[in-house]
Amino acid sequence: MRILAIVQGNYGQRMVDNIRRRGPAGWTIETFRPPPVLPMIVDEPDEFLPPSLPQADMVLALIESPKTAQLVTAIARRSSAKAVLCPIDNTAWVPPGLKNQLQRELAEMGVESAFPKPFCTLTEETSGYRRAAERYSSATISEFARHFGRPRLAPKVNEQAGTIESLEVLRGSPCGATWYAAEKLAGVSVEEAVPKAGLLSHQYPCLASMEKEQIDDRLFDTLMHVSGYVMNEATKEALKPYKKAPEYLNPMRGLDNKG
């Protein structure tokens, strides 16, 4: 896969570095740094782009301002991209109205797109958290999501001690936090891994926004907290076979786990 990443600063560069380090050997990822100064309304995006851009299968829009977001459609066209992946780790960078505009413009060009909010919610079919998840249809984005997105873990557990020996990352968050948390969870009790996993993800540190907002119709929270929930959920799912059955009080036999 050929990826053209739009990078403005440390947020995007850390994603690129992690993808280069842990992505498949056949992938190539080049970067484009947009002009640091842009008008509030970009009427003619081509005026702010170089004569040519690297050709790509997918544009990875790691943008940090709504001004730069207005260049995405033109960059996709110039790079002949089949898909655009535009994570929203801060809603101020890609407000809902601008996201809808980009989706519409890209669809009119025949370019598929996904806008995971936050980035670590991406799967092979959907992006977004819980009831806000949106389905997308792009083989290119799905191929990326097999390696980066919503964490998927394979544990090795010392069942006698009840501790985690290791956690293999089958799919990790693009920023690299999953690998950091997985390493730090070695030696931790299975019973204590959640919520420690989410806290470790935050400490990496997580790059998502700390501004509270409406995540879906039932959750008002920060995107950083959502990233922690995602890591906790992945850890809980991976360790489910090793969790002790809950104990219940039986007035005839005392505590047991049979109900």
C-alpha atoms as a PDB file:
ATOM      1  CA  MET A   1       0.000   0.000   0.000  1.00  0.00           C
ATOM      2  CA  ARG A   2       1.189   3.514  -0.835  1.00  0.00           C
ATOM      3  CA  ILE A   3       0.210   6.043   1.804  1.00  0.00           C
ATOM      4  CA  LEU A   4       0.534   9.812   1.592  1.00  0.00           C
ATOM      5  CA  ALA A   5       0.308  11.305   5.081  1.00  0.00           C
ATOM      6  CA  ILE A   6      -0.554  14.956   5.655  1.00  0.00           C
ATOM      7  CA  VAL A   7       1.537  15.950   8.671  1.00  0.00           C
ATOM      8  CA  GLN A   8       1.438  19.287  10.490  1.00  0.00           C
ATOM      9  CA  GLY A   9       3.273  18.560  13.739  1.00  0.00           C
ATOM     10  CA  ASN A  10       4.173  16.063  16.474  1.00  0.00           C
ATOM     11  CA  TYR A  11       0.670  14.529  16.466  1.00  0.00           C
ATOM     12  CA  GLY A  12       0.977  13.374  12.872  1.00  0.00           C
ATOM     13  CA  GLN A  13       4.677  12.625  12.946  1.00  0.00           C
ATOM     14  CA  ARG A  14       4.287  10.196  15.838  1.00  0.00           C
ATOM     15  CA  MET A  15       1.579   8.341  13.910  1.00  0.00           C
ATOM     16  CA  VAL A  16       3.794   8.154  10.822  1.00  0.00           C
ATOM     17  CA  ASP A  17       6.796   6.920  12.814  1.00  0.00           C
ATOM     18  CA  ASN A  18       4.717   4.157  14.437  1.00  0.00           C
ATOM     19  CA  ILE A  19       3.149   3.040  11.150  1.00  0.00           C
ATOM     20  CA  ARG A  20       6.562   2.935   9.464  1.00  0.00           C
ATOM     21  CA  ARG A  21       7.963   0.915  12.355  1.00  0.00           C
ATOM     22  CA  ARG A  22       5.154  -1.605  12.689  1.00  0.00           C
ATOM     23  CA  GLY A  23       3.371  -1.674   9.328  1.00  0.00           C
ATOM     24  CA  PRO A  24       3.795  -4.438   6.717  1.00  0.00           C
ATOM     25  CA  ALA A  25       7.100  -4.500   4.840  1.00  0.00           C
ATOM     26  CA  GLY A  26       5.401  -3.787   1.524  1.00  0.00           C
ATOM     27  CA  TRP A  27       3.883  -0.479   2.631  1.00  0.00           C
ATOM     28  CA  THR A  28       5.416   2.864   1.723  1.00  0.00           C
ATOM     29  CA  ILE A  29       4.489   6.068   3.523  1.00  0.00           C
ATOM     30  CA  GLU A  30       5.460   9.517   2.313  1.00  0.00           C
ATOM     31  CA  THR A  31       4.593  12.789   3.985  1.00  0.00           C
ATOM     32  CA  PHE A  32       3.353  16.157   2.847  1.00  0.00           C
ATOM     33  CA  ARG A  33       3.603  19.180   5.104  1.00  0.00           C
ATOM     34  CA  PRO A  34       1.010  21.829   4.190  1.00  0.00           C
ATOM     35  CA  PRO A  35       1.767  25.551   4.337  1.00  0.00           C
ATOM     36  CA  PRO A  36       1.878  26.766   7.956  1.00  0.00           C
ATOM     37  CA  VAL A  37      -0.217  29.828   7.102  1.00  0.00           C
ATOM     38  CA  LEU A  38      -3.553  29.477   5.314  1.00  0.00           C
ATOM     39  CA  PRO A  39      -6.600  31.738   5.000  1.00  0.00           C
ATOM     40  CA  MET A  40      -9.673  30.982   7.089  1.00  0.00           C
ATOM     41  CA  ILE A  41     -11.579  30.044   3.913  1.00  0.00           C
ATOM     42  CA  VAL A  42      -9.536  28.220   1.267  1.00  0.00           C
ATOM     43  CA  ASP A  43     -11.361  28.972  -1.994  1.00  0.00           C
ATOM     44  CA  GLU A  44      -8.641  27.640  -4.304  1.00  0.00           C
ATOM     45  CA  PRO A  45      -6.803  24.754  -2.594  1.00  0.00           C
ATOM     46  CA  ASP A  46      -4.547  24.166  -5.616  1.00  0.00           C
ATOM     47  CA  GLU A  47      -2.894  27.541  -5.014  1.00  0.00           C
ATOM     48  CA  PHE A  48      -1.423  26.179  -1.771  1.00  0.00           C
ATOM     49  CA  LEU A  49      -0.184  22.847  -3.125  1.00  0.00           C
ATOM     50  CA  PRO A  50       2.996  21.986  -5.034  1.00  0.00           C
ATOM     51  CA  PRO A  51       2.755  21.218  -8.778  1.00  0.00           C
ATOM     52  CA  SER A  52       2.903  17.493  -8.054  1.00  0.00           C
ATOM     53  CA  LEU A  53       2.397  15.152  -5.095  1.00  0.00           C
ATOM     54  CA  PRO A  54       3.448  11.521  -4.575  1.00  0.00           C
ATOM     55  CA  GLN A  55       0.965   9.068  -6.035  1.00  0.00           C
ATOM     56  CA  ALA A  56      -0.834   7.098  -3.352  1.00  0.00           C
ATOM     57  CA  ASP A  57      -3.502   4.490  -2.729  1.00  0.00           C
ATOM     58  CA  MET A  58      -4.639   6.306   0.406  1.00  0.00           C
ATOM     59  CA  VAL A  59      -4.309   9.775   1.892  1.00  0.00           C
ATOM     60  CA  LEU A  60      -3.877   9.667   5.665  1.00  0.00           C
ATOM     61  CA  ALA A  61      -5.027  13.112   6.772  1.00  0.00           C
ATOM     62  CA  LEU A  62      -3.285  13.725  10.105  1.00  0.00           C
ATOM     63  CA  ILE A  63      -4.417  17.327  10.186  1.00  0.00           C
ATOM     64  CA  GLU A  64      -4.462  19.710  13.126  1.00  0.00           C
ATOM     65  CA  SER A  65      -6.599  22.590  11.878  1.00  0.00           C
ATOM     66  CA  PRO A  66      -9.813  23.141   9.903  1.00  0.00           C
ATOM     67  CA  LYS A  67      -7.845  25.329   7.492  1.00  0.00           C
ATOM     68  CA  THR A  68      -5.652  22.423   6.463  1.00  0.00           C
ATOM     69  CA  ALA A  69      -8.675  20.114   6.308  1.00  0.00           C
ATOM     70  CA  GLN A  70      -9.912  22.182   3.379  1.00  0.00           C
ATOM     71  CA  LEU A  71      -6.929  20.930   1.320  1.00  0.00           C
ATOM     72  CA  VAL A  72      -7.780  17.251   1.712  1.00  0.00           C
ATOM     73  CA  THR A  73      -9.994  16.866  -1.363  1.00  0.00           C
ATOM     74  CA  ALA A  74      -7.444  18.522  -3.654  1.00  0.00           C
ATOM     75  CA  ILE A  75      -4.621  16.430  -2.194  1.00  0.00           C
ATOM     76  CA  ALA A  76      -6.634  13.249  -2.803  1.00  0.00           C
ATOM     77  CA  ARG A  77      -7.230  14.301  -6.406  1.00  0.00           C
ATOM     78  CA  ARG A  78      -3.595  15.198  -7.095  1.00  0.00           C
ATOM     79  CA  SER A  79      -2.265  12.002  -5.553  1.00  0.00           C
ATOM     80  CA  SER A  80      -4.849   9.828  -7.385  1.00  0.00           C
ATOM     81  CA  ALA A  81      -5.830   8.289  -4.049  1.00  0.00           C
ATOM     82  CA  LYS A  82      -8.633   5.729  -3.919  1.00  0.00           C
ATOM     83  CA  ALA A  83      -9.370   6.460  -0.265  1.00  0.00           C
ATOM     84  CA  VAL A  84      -8.965   9.089   2.448  1.00  0.00           C
ATOM     85  CA  LEU A  85      -8.600   8.205   6.115  1.00  0.00           C
ATOM     86  CA  CYS A  86      -9.110  11.277   8.265  1.00  0.00           C
ATOM     87  CA  PRO A  87      -9.016  10.559  12.018  1.00  0.00           C
ATOM     88  CA  ILE A  88     -10.716  12.997  14.369  1.00  0.00           C
ATOM     89  CA  ASP A  89      -8.767  13.055  17.622  1.00  0.00           C
ATOM     90  CA  ASN A  90      -9.794  16.648  18.230  1.00  0.00           C
ATOM     91  CA  THR A  91     -13.173  17.862  16.990  1.00  0.00           C
ATOM     92  CA  ALA A  92     -11.847  21.427  16.711  1.00  0.00           C
ATOM     93  CA  TRP A  93      -9.574  20.253  13.890  1.00  0.00           C
ATOM     94  CA  VAL A  94     -12.397  18.688  11.838  1.00  0.00           C
ATOM     95  CA  PRO A  95     -15.771  20.044  13.010  1.00  0.00           C
ATOM     96  CA  PRO A  96     -18.894  18.030  12.058  1.00  0.00           C
ATOM     97  CA  GLY A  97     -19.928  20.380   9.268  1.00  0.00           C
ATOM     98  CA  LEU A  98     -16.500  20.264   7.644  1.00  0.00           C
ATOM     99  CA  LYS A  99     -16.357  16.482   8.004  1.00  0.00           C
ATOM    100  CA  ASN A 100     -19.714  16.168   6.189  1.00  0.00           C
ATOM    101  CA  GLN A 101     -18.472  18.508   3.459  1.00  0.00           C
ATOM    102  CA  LEU A 102     -15.316  16.471   2.925  1.00  0.00           C
ATOM    103  CA  GLN A 103     -17.281  13.210   2.855  1.00  0.00           C
ATOM    104  CA  ARG A 104     -19.600  14.639   0.216  1.00  0.00           C
ATOM    105  CA  GLU A 105     -16.809  16.095  -1.948  1.00  0.00           C
ATOM    106  CA  LEU A 106     -14.768  12.905  -1.815  1.00  0.00           C
ATOM    107  CA  ALA A 107     -17.778  10.742  -2.670  1.00  0.00           C
ATOM    108  CA  GLU A 108     -18.482  12.935  -5.699  1.00  0.00           C
ATOM    109  CA  MET A 109     -14.912  12.224  -6.848  1.00  0.00           C
ATOM    110  CA  GLY A 110     -15.370   8.488  -6.330  1.00  0.00           C
ATOM    111  CA  VAL A 111     -12.961   8.481  -3.367  1.00  0.00           C
ATOM    112  CA  GLU A 112     -13.974   6.383  -0.353  1.00  0.00           C
ATOM    113  CA  SER A 113     -13.428   7.817   3.119  1.00  0.00           C
ATOM    114  CA  ALA A 114     -13.610   7.130   6.837  1.00  0.00           C
ATOM    115  CA  PHE A 115     -13.406   9.534   9.787  1.00  0.00           C
ATOM    116  CA  PRO A 116     -12.679   7.490  12.937  1.00  0.00           C
ATOM    117  CA  LYS A 117     -13.370   9.433  16.130  1.00  0.00           C
ATOM    118  CA  PRO A 118     -10.981   8.793  17.791  1.00  0.00           C
ATOM    119  CA  PHE A 119      -8.479   7.030  15.533  1.00  0.00           C
ATOM    120  CA  CYS A 120      -8.254   3.935  17.770  1.00  0.00           C
ATOM    121  CA  THR A 121     -11.917   3.050  17.058  1.00  0.00           C
ATOM    122  CA  LEU A 122     -11.157   2.038  13.457  1.00  0.00           C
ATOM    123  CA  THR A 123     -11.989  -1.546  12.447  1.00  0.00           C
ATOM    124  CA  GLU A 124     -12.156  -3.283   9.069  1.00  0.00           C
ATOM    125  CA  GLU A 125     -15.788  -2.199   8.657  1.00  0.00           C
ATOM    126  CA  THR A 126     -16.569   0.711  10.985  1.00  0.00           C
ATOM    127  CA  SER A 127     -15.152   3.808  12.604  1.00  0.00           C
ATOM    128  CA  GLY A 128     -16.350   5.640  15.704  1.00  0.00           C
ATOM    129  CA  TYR A 129     -17.358   4.637  19.210  1.00  0.00           C
ATOM    130  CA  ARG A 130     -20.433   2.668  20.248  1.00  0.00           C
ATOM    131  CA  ARG A 131     -23.673   4.142  18.881  1.00  0.00           C
ATOM    132  CA  ALA A 132     -21.755   6.785  16.909  1.00  0.00           C
ATOM    133  CA  ALA A 133     -19.942   4.146  14.862  1.00  0.00           C
ATOM    134  CA  GLU A 134     -20.288   4.554  11.085  1.00  0.00           C
ATOM    135  CA  ARG A 135     -19.874   1.851   8.471  1.00  0.00           C
ATOM    136  CA  TYR A 136     -17.611   2.461   5.500  1.00  0.00           C
ATOM    137  CA  SER A 137     -16.884   0.519   2.350  1.00  0.00           C
ATOM    138  CA  SER A 138     -13.245   0.655   1.274  1.00  0.00           C
ATOM    139  CA  ALA A 139     -10.917  -2.281   0.720  1.00  0.00           C
ATOM    140  CA  THR A 140      -7.975   0.109   1.035  1.00  0.00           C
ATOM    141  CA  ILE A 141      -8.986   1.462   4.444  1.00  0.00           C
ATOM    142  CA  SER A 142      -9.914  -2.070   5.583  1.00  0.00           C
ATOM    143  CA  GLU A 143      -6.400  -3.231   4.705  1.00  0.00           C
ATOM    144  CA  PHE A 144      -4.947  -0.448   6.856  1.00  0.00           C
ATOM    145  CA  ALA A 145      -7.399  -1.319   9.667  1.00  0.00           C
ATOM    146  CA  ARG A 146      -6.185  -4.920   9.772  1.00  0.00           C
ATOM    147  CA  HIS A 147      -2.993  -3.565  11.306  1.00  0.00           C
ATOM    148  CA  PHE A 148      -3.881  -0.249  12.961  1.00  0.00           C
ATOM    149  CA  GLY A 149      -7.016   0.886  14.765  1.00  0.00           C
ATOM    150  CA  ARG A 150      -9.094  -0.623  17.551  1.00  0.00           C
ATOM    151  CA  PRO A 151      -6.719  -2.731  19.678  1.00  0.00           C
ATOM    152  CA  ARG A 152      -6.846  -6.507  19.417  1.00  0.00           C
ATOM    153  CA  LEU A 153      -4.676  -8.520  21.811  1.00  0.00           C
ATOM    154  CA  ALA A 154      -3.512 -12.098  22.260  1.00  0.00           C
ATOM    155  CA  PRO A 155      -2.492 -12.820  25.870  1.00  0.00           C
ATOM    156  CA  LYS A 156      -0.157 -15.372  27.367  1.00  0.00           C
ATOM    157  CA  VAL A 157      -1.222 -15.957  30.977  1.00  0.00           C
ATOM    158  CA  ASN A 158       0.314 -17.792  33.896  1.00  0.00           C
ATOM    159  CA  GLU A 159      -2.920 -19.385  35.031  1.00  0.00           C
ATOM    160  CA  GLN A 160      -1.490 -20.707  38.264  1.00  0.00           C
ATOM    161  CA  ALA A 161      -0.305 -17.260  39.345  1.00  0.00           C
ATOM    162  CA  GLY A 162      -3.174 -15.447  37.660  1.00  0.00           C
ATOM    163  CA  THR A 163      -0.818 -12.963  35.996  1.00  0.00           C
ATOM    164  CA  ILE A 164      -0.187 -11.783  32.457  1.00  0.00           C
ATOM    165  CA  GLU A 165       3.087 -13.086  31.017  1.00  0.00           C
ATOM    166  CA  SER A 166       2.779 -11.136  27.775  1.00  0.00           C
ATOM    167  CA  LEU A 167       0.271  -9.450  25.474  1.00  0.00           C
ATOM    168  CA  GLU A 168       0.829  -9.760  21.740  1.00  0.00           C
ATOM    169  CA  VAL A 169      -0.604  -6.795  19.819  1.00  0.00           C
ATOM    170  CA  LEU A 170      -2.483  -8.118  16.786  1.00  0.00           C
ATOM    171  CA  ARG A 171      -3.783  -4.651  15.972  1.00  0.00           C
ATOM    172  CA  GLY A 172      -2.814  -1.479  17.802  1.00  0.00           C
ATOM    173  CA  SER A 173      -3.702   2.180  17.971  1.00  0.00           C
ATOM    174  CA  PRO A 174      -1.859   4.164  15.264  1.00  0.00           C
ATOM    175  CA  CYS A 175      -0.156   6.381  17.848  1.00  0.00           C
ATOM    176  CA  GLY A 176       1.650   3.392  19.410  1.00  0.00           C
ATOM    177  CA  ALA A 177      -0.041   3.497  22.826  1.00  0.00           C
ATOM    178  CA  THR A 178      -1.270  -0.112  22.585  1.00  0.00           C
ATOM    179  CA  TRP A 179       2.245  -1.526  22.347  1.00  0.00           C
ATOM    180  CA  TYR A 180       3.349   0.624  25.289  1.00  0.00           C
ATOM    181  CA  ALA A 181       0.433  -0.523  27.453  1.00  0.00           C
ATOM    182  CA  ALA A 182       0.857  -4.174  26.440  1.00  0.00           C
ATOM    183  CA  GLU A 183       4.511  -4.123  27.496  1.00  0.00           C
ATOM    184  CA  LYS A 184       3.707  -2.507  30.859  1.00  0.00           C
ATOM    185  CA  LEU A 185       0.948  -5.039  31.590  1.00  0.00           C
ATOM    186  CA  ALA A 186       3.405  -7.937  31.724  1.00  0.00           C
ATOM    187  CA  GLY A 187       3.373  -9.294  35.278  1.00  0.00           C
ATOM    188  CA  VAL A 188       0.078  -7.607  36.176  1.00  0.00           C
ATOM    189  CA  SER A 189      -2.745  -9.652  37.717  1.00  0.00           C
ATOM    190  CA  VAL A 190      -5.492 -10.633  35.302  1.00  0.00           C
ATOM    191  CA  GLU A 191      -7.991  -9.226  37.797  1.00  0.00           C
ATOM    192  CA  GLU A 192      -6.227  -5.833  37.871  1.00  0.00           C
ATOM    193  CA  ALA A 193      -5.473  -5.402  34.160  1.00  0.00           C
ATOM    194  CA  VAL A 194      -8.623  -3.315  33.701  1.00  0.00           C
ATOM    195  CA  PRO A 195      -8.623  -0.322  34.218  1.00  0.00           C
ATOM    196  CA  LYS A 196      -4.800  -0.289  34.353  1.00  0.00           C
ATOM    197  CA  ALA A 197      -4.663  -0.851  30.581  1.00  0.00           C
ATOM    198  CA  GLY A 198      -6.615   2.323  29.857  1.00  0.00           C
ATOM    199  CA  LEU A 199      -4.541   4.360  32.305  1.00  0.00           C
ATOM    200  CA  LEU A 200      -1.329   3.167  30.658  1.00  0.00           C
ATOM    201  CA  SER A 201      -2.725   4.169  27.271  1.00  0.00           C
ATOM    202  CA  HIS A 202      -3.278   7.691  28.612  1.00  0.00           C
ATOM    203  CA  GLN A 203       0.233   7.832  30.033  1.00  0.00           C
ATOM    204  CA  TYR A 204       1.902   7.056  26.700  1.00  0.00           C
ATOM    205  CA  PRO A 205       0.583   9.825  26.314  1.00  0.00           C
ATOM    206  CA  CYS A 206      -2.661   9.620  24.373  1.00  0.00           C
ATOM    207  CA  LEU A 207      -2.924  12.425  21.812  1.00  0.00           C
ATOM    208  CA  ALA A 208      -6.716  12.736  21.782  1.00  0.00           C
ATOM    209  CA  SER A 209      -8.566  15.812  23.029  1.00  0.00           C
ATOM    210  CA  MET A 210      -9.460  16.402  26.683  1.00  0.00           C
ATOM    211  CA  GLU A 211     -12.451  18.602  25.799  1.00  0.00           C
ATOM    212  CA  LYS A 212     -15.776  17.084  26.839  1.00  0.00           C
ATOM    213  CA  GLU A 213     -18.296  16.574  24.046  1.00  0.00           C
ATOM    214  CA  GLN A 214     -21.215  14.429  22.965  1.00  0.00           C
ATOM    215  CA  ILE A 215     -19.684  11.136  21.846  1.00  0.00           C
ATOM    216  CA  ASP A 216     -23.001   9.450  21.058  1.00  0.00           C
ATOM    217  CA  ASP A 217     -26.573   9.917  22.256  1.00  0.00           C
ATOM    218  CA  ARG A 218     -25.721   8.324  25.613  1.00  0.00           C
ATOM    219  CA  LEU A 219     -22.152   9.386  26.343  1.00  0.00           C
ATOM    220  CA  PHE A 220     -20.773  12.853  27.105  1.00  0.00           C
ATOM    221  CA  ASP A 221     -17.031  12.584  27.680  1.00  0.00           C
ATOM    222  CA  THR A 222     -13.585  13.369  26.258  1.00  0.00           C
ATOM    223  CA  LEU A 223     -11.992  11.606  23.299  1.00  0.00           C
ATOM    224  CA  MET A 224      -8.994  10.823  25.497  1.00  0.00           C
ATOM    225  CA  HIS A 225     -11.258   8.959  27.908  1.00  0.00           C
ATOM    226  CA  VAL A 226     -12.854   7.143  24.981  1.00  0.00           C
ATOM    227  CA  SER A 227      -9.405   5.923  23.928  1.00  0.00           C
ATOM    228  CA  GLY A 228      -8.944   4.537  27.453  1.00  0.00           C
ATOM    229  CA  TYR A 229     -12.313   2.790  27.305  1.00  0.00           C
ATOM    230  CA  VAL A 230     -11.335   1.243  23.965  1.00  0.00           C
ATOM    231  CA  MET A 231      -8.090  -0.138  25.418  1.00  0.00           C
ATOM    232  CA  ASN A 232      -9.868  -1.437  28.516  1.00  0.00           C
ATOM    233  CA  GLU A 233     -12.508  -3.158  26.400  1.00  0.00           C
ATOM    234  CA  ALA A 234      -9.849  -4.823  24.233  1.00  0.00           C
ATOM    235  CA  THR A 235      -7.960  -6.013  27.312  1.00  0.00           C
ATOM    236  CA  LYS A 236     -11.126  -7.311  28.985  1.00  0.00           C
ATOM    237  CA  GLU A 237     -12.086  -9.248  25.864  1.00  0.00           C
ATOM    238  CA  ALA A 238      -8.628 -10.785  25.501  1.00  0.00           C
ATOM    239  CA  LEU A 239      -8.489 -11.877  29.153  1.00  0.00           C
ATOM    240  CA  LYS A 240     -12.085 -13.140  29.381  1.00  0.00           C
ATOM    241  CA  PRO A 241     -11.102 -16.846  29.281  1.00  0.00           C
ATOM    242  CA  TYR A 242      -8.773 -16.337  32.241  1.00  0.00           C
ATOM    243  CA  LYS A 243     -11.067 -14.369  34.558  1.00  0.00           C
ATOM    244  CA  LYS A 244     -12.321 -16.026  37.716  1.00  0.00           C
ATOM    245  CA  ALA A 245     -16.024 -16.761  37.866  1.00  0.00           C
ATOM    246  CA  PRO A 246     -17.762 -14.354  40.274  1.00  0.00           C
ATOM    247  CA  GLU A 247     -18.511 -15.690  43.729  1.00  0.00           C
ATOM    248  CA  TYR A 248     -22.033 -15.605  45.157  1.00  0.00           C
ATOM    249  CA  LEU A 249     -23.249 -15.973  48.720  1.00  0.00           C
ATOM    250  CA  ASN A 250     -25.192 -19.191  49.225  1.00  0.00           C
ATOM    251  CA  PRO A 251     -26.803 -19.111  52.701  1.00  0.00           C
ATOM    252  CA  MET A 252     -26.549 -22.922  52.914  1.00  0.00           C
ATOM    253  CA  ARG A 253     -22.958 -23.343  51.725  1.00  0.00           C
ATOM    254  CA  GLY A 254     -21.337 -19.934  52.140  1.00  0.00           C
ATOM    255  CA  LEU A 255     -19.454 -18.401  49.233  1.00  0.00           C
ATOM    256  CA  ASP A 256     -19.234 -20.331  46.017  1.00  0.00           C
ATOM    257  CA  ASN A 257     -19.174 -19.538  42.301  1.00  0.00           C
ATOM    258  CA  LYS A 258     -22.066 -21.706  41.249  1.00  0.00           C
ATOM    259  CA  GLY A 259     -24.912 -19.342  42.110  1.00  0.00           C
END
